[in-house]
Amino acid sequence: MKFRKGTNIVLQPGRQKNIGMGCILAIFVALAVFMCIMFPQNKGGILLFIGFFLAVIMGGAAIESSSGARITLTKRFLSGGTLRRKTIPWDRMGDIWEGDETIEWESTDAHPITCQTPWHEIGRECAHNGQHVSMRLAIDWIESLRDAESDSEREALLRKFRRGAPKALTPLNQLSAKDRAKADELLSEIRNFRGTGRAQRIFEIQQLFRNKGWQPPKVNLLTPRTVIGCAAFIGACFIIAGILLGKIK
C-alpha cells in the first residue's frame, strides 16, 4: 500500500474484517443451499429465516465499515462515532476506555460529549499504510495525544505513530522512567488478570510492547487453573462421547 504523506492518522476496519465477513456470507449461502436441498418443501421459510439473520449481520458490518465509524487523529482534535461523527478538541478530551467491542471517550465539558465507535476484536488498520492497530495501541495513542502540551508536540507524536513499530526492542530496565511506569502498570495487569479472556489480554499487551519497541514479557499461560479447566473439559467430552456411542450406561 502506498504511504500517504501528512500527519493525520485514520483508523478504519482492516482487511481481516472484510475477509471475515466474506467467509460468513459464503457460509450462510452454503447453508441455505444445503437446507433447501434437504428440505425443498420448506424452501421459502428457510430462505426467509437465513436471509433475515444474514441481513442483520451484514447490516451491522456495513455500519462498522462506514466512513462515520472511522477514527481520525489530528494535531487539533479526535473524531469518531458510529453513524454520526463527533469531534472533540484535545484540550477538552477526557477519559478513554474499552467498551464491549467498542472504543469510547468523553469530553470534559459541563455536559460531556460521549463518543462510541465500533472496534472489532481483530482490530483496525491505518489507512495510510495498512499497519494493524489493536484497541490497546489506539488508546495509548489517544492518551498520549491528549496529554501532549502543544500542537507541535502532537504533530511530532503523530509522525512517530505513523512510522510503525520499531525494529529494535529495548529491554525494560533501559526504558525512561515514564515508559517504565507504563510498562509496570501493564505487567501488573497481566499478573492480576483472572477469568476468561486472559490469554487474549496477554497477547494484546505483548503486541503493545512490540509496537512501542519494548521487550515483551514472557508469560506462562499454562497456569494450574488453566490446566485443570482443560482437563475437565476434555474429560466431559469423553464422557459425552461415550454416552452417545452407547459405551457408558
Foldseek 3Di string as FASTA:
>chain_A
DAFDDDLKWKWAAAPVLVVVLVVVVVVLVVVLVVVCVVCVVCNPVSCVVSVVVNCVVVVQSCQLRDPQQMWMDALFWIWGAGNHIDIDGLQFWDDWDDDDQWTKTWGNDPPIDIGIHGAHQQATATPRPRHGDGPVNVNVLSVVSSPDDHSVVNSVSSVVLSVWFDPAADELVPDDPVVNVVLVVLVVCLVPDDDPPSVVSLVVSQVSSRRHRHHGDDDDPPDVVNVVVVVVVVVVVVVVVCVVVVNPD
